[in-house]
């Protein structure tokens, strides 16, 4: 392969590594977003379960987000308002809401795992491309010449 062809292939590999790197960064952001959503879903599940298990609730502590909590007196702990998407909220029994949150957790976890798998494949591809680029770079550098150091000769 000529030096021009090697340089062209090296540049193509470099561009491909950059594209994979950008895609990998996007995947990392999506994974992080899903992880934050999972934390929120698990907090919701814990709160609902706590309300369901408590028999005589005069007052409870509810997390409203961003580390802010407030004491409230629930009017009805048997049913909750549950978002089903597209701005639609329905009244559901607390058990059904817990089950719905658990289903969301399962779906989000599956999606997070799929993205993590995709990210691992991207990382593996980048590694393969980097090894190929290093090989081409060594070819472009030519055979290494031993260095002569006159101070080592007696």
Protein backbone atom coordinates (compact mmCIF):
# COMPACT_ATOMS: atom_id res chain seq x y z
CA UNK A 1 0.00 0.00 0.00
CA UNK A 2 1.39 3.42 -0.91
CA UNK A 3 2.06 6.13 1.66
CA UNK A 4 -0.81 8.25 0.28
CA UNK A 5 -3.22 5.34 0.62
CA UNK A 6 -2.01 4.70 4.17
CA UNK A 7 -2.49 8.37 5.09
CA UNK A 8 -5.97 8.36 3.56
CA UNK A 9 -6.95 5.20 5.44
CA UNK A 10 -5.47 6.63 8.66
CA UNK A 11 -7.61 9.77 8.23
CA UNK A 12 -10.74 7.71 7.56
CA UNK A 13 -10.12 5.66 10.70
CA UNK A 14 -9.54 8.83 12.69
CA UNK A 15 -12.85 10.28 11.45
CA UNK A 16 -14.66 7.05 12.28
CA UNK A 17 -13.19 7.05 15.80
CA UNK A 18 -14.46 10.61 16.27
CA UNK A 19 -17.97 9.63 15.14
CA UNK A 20 -18.01 6.62 17.47
CA UNK A 21 -16.72 8.78 20.30
CA UNK A 22 -19.52 11.33 19.83
CA UNK A 23 -22.12 8.58 19.64
CA UNK A 24 -20.66 6.99 22.77
CA UNK A 25 -20.97 10.31 24.62
CA UNK A 26 -24.62 10.57 23.57
CA UNK A 27 -25.25 7.05 24.84
CA UNK A 28 -23.60 7.92 28.16
CA UNK A 29 -25.92 10.92 28.56
CA UNK A 30 -28.96 8.76 27.79
CA UNK A 31 -27.82 6.10 30.27
CA UNK A 32 -27.30 8.73 32.94
CA UNK A 33 -30.76 10.18 32.28
CA UNK A 34 -32.33 6.74 32.59
CA UNK A 35 -30.38 6.08 35.78
CA UNK A 36 -31.75 9.31 37.29
CA UNK A 37 -35.26 8.31 36.21
CA UNK A 38 -34.79 4.91 37.88
CA UNK A 39 -33.81 6.63 41.13
CA UNK A 40 -36.99 8.73 40.90
CA UNK A 41 -39.16 5.70 40.13
CA UNK A 42 -37.69 3.73 43.04
CA UNK A 43 -38.31 6.69 45.36
CA UNK A 44 -41.93 6.83 44.16
CA UNK A 45 -42.36 3.11 44.71
CA UNK A 46 -40.89 3.38 48.20
CA UNK A 47 -43.18 6.28 49.09
CA UNK A 48 -46.28 4.51 47.76
CA UNK A 49 -45.38 1.29 49.55
CA UNK A 50 -44.80 3.19 52.77
CA UNK A 51 -48.19 4.89 52.49
CA UNK A 52 -49.91 1.60 51.70
CA UNK A 53 -48.33 -0.20 54.65
CA UNK A 54 -49.06 2.56 57.16
CA UNK A 55 -52.41 1.99 58.83
CA UNK A 56 -53.13 5.19 60.75
CA UNK A 57 -51.64 8.08 58.88
CA UNK A 58 -52.19 11.41 60.56
CA UNK A 59 -49.23 13.06 58.90
CA UNK A 60 -46.47 11.87 56.59
CA UNK A 61 -43.31 13.18 54.99
CA UNK A 62 -43.50 13.43 51.21
CA UNK A 63 -40.52 14.12 48.96
CA UNK A 64 -41.44 16.77 46.41
CA UNK A 65 -38.10 16.65 44.57
CA UNK A 66 -34.66 18.25 44.63
CA UNK A 67 -34.14 17.27 48.24
CA UNK A 68 -37.28 19.10 49.36
CA UNK A 69 -39.78 17.36 51.62
CA UNK A 70 -42.94 18.46 53.34
CA UNK A 71 -45.24 17.12 56.00
CA UNK A 72 -48.72 16.45 54.70
CA UNK A 73 -51.98 15.03 55.98
CA UNK A 74 -53.20 12.63 53.32
CA UNK A 75 -56.90 12.76 52.67
CA UNK A 76 -57.05 9.43 50.87
CA UNK A 77 -54.26 6.87 51.03
CA UNK A 78 -56.26 4.22 49.21
CA UNK A 79 -56.04 5.95 45.82
CA UNK A 80 -53.41 8.08 44.13
CA UNK A 81 -53.29 10.26 41.05
CA UNK A 82 -51.23 8.41 38.47
CA UNK A 83 -49.86 9.86 35.22
CA UNK A 84 -50.48 7.58 32.26
CA UNK A 85 -48.74 9.88 29.77
CA UNK A 86 -49.60 12.72 27.40
CA UNK A 87 -50.69 14.85 30.36
CA UNK A 88 -53.42 12.38 31.35
CA UNK A 89 -53.76 11.59 35.06
CA UNK A 90 -56.07 8.92 36.44
CA UNK A 91 -57.08 7.94 39.95
CA UNK A 92 -55.78 4.46 40.77
CA UNK A 93 -55.73 2.24 43.82
CA UNK A 94 -52.36 2.45 45.51
CA UNK A 95 -51.59 -1.23 44.72
CA UNK A 96 -52.19 -0.62 41.01
CA UNK A 97 -49.96 2.46 41.14
CA UNK A 98 -47.16 0.46 42.79
CA UNK A 99 -47.54 -2.22 40.11
CA UNK A 100 -47.45 0.44 37.39
CA UNK A 101 -44.28 1.95 38.85
CA UNK A 102 -42.69 -1.50 39.05
CA UNK A 103 -43.52 -2.08 35.36
CA UNK A 104 -41.95 1.29 34.47
CA UNK A 105 -38.85 0.35 36.46
CA UNK A 106 -38.55 -2.92 34.51
CA UNK A 107 -38.97 -1.14 31.16
CA UNK A 108 -36.45 1.59 31.99
CA UNK A 109 -33.94 -0.94 33.31
CA UNK A 110 -34.22 -2.98 30.09
CA UNK A 111 -33.66 0.16 28.04
CA UNK A 112 -30.70 1.18 30.21
CA UNK A 113 -29.12 -2.26 29.81
CA UNK A 114 -29.63 -2.18 26.04
CA UNK A 115 -27.93 1.23 25.84
CA UNK A 116 -25.08 0.03 28.07
CA UNK A 117 -24.61 -2.97 25.75
CA UNK A 118 -24.56 -0.63 22.75
CA UNK A 119 -21.99 1.57 24.51
CA UNK A 120 -19.79 -1.46 25.19
CA UNK A 121 -19.89 -2.39 21.50
CA UNK A 122 -18.93 1.20 20.59
CA UNK A 123 -16.00 1.10 23.04
CA UNK A 124 -14.88 -2.23 21.57
CA UNK A 125 -15.09 -0.83 18.01
CA UNK A 126 -13.06 2.23 19.01
CA UNK A 127 -10.40 -0.05 20.49
CA UNK A 128 -10.21 -2.07 17.27
CA UNK A 129 -9.97 1.07 15.16
CA UNK A 130 -7.26 2.52 17.42
CA UNK A 131 -5.18 -0.65 17.04
CA UNK A 132 -5.58 -0.47 13.27
CA UNK A 133 -4.63 3.23 13.27
CA UNK A 134 -1.52 2.47 15.36
CA UNK A 135 -0.49 -0.19 12.87
CA UNK A 136 -0.87 2.23 9.98
CA UNK A 137 1.00 4.92 11.90
CA UNK A 138 3.92 2.53 12.46
CA UNK A 139 3.94 1.74 8.73
CA UNK A 140 4.03 5.46 7.93
CA UNK A 141 6.94 5.98 10.33
CA UNK A 142 8.95 3.33 8.54
CA UNK A 143 11.29 0.83 10.15
CA UNK A 144 12.82 2.15 13.31
CA UNK A 145 16.53 2.76 13.10
CA UNK A 146 18.71 1.89 16.05
CA UNK A 147 20.14 5.01 17.60
CA UNK A 148 23.91 5.21 17.90
CA UNK A 149 25.13 6.82 21.11
CA UNK A 150 28.88 7.45 20.85
CA UNK A 151 29.19 7.90 24.61
CA UNK A 152 28.36 4.23 25.13
CA UNK A 153 31.37 3.08 23.08
CA UNK A 154 34.61 2.82 24.98
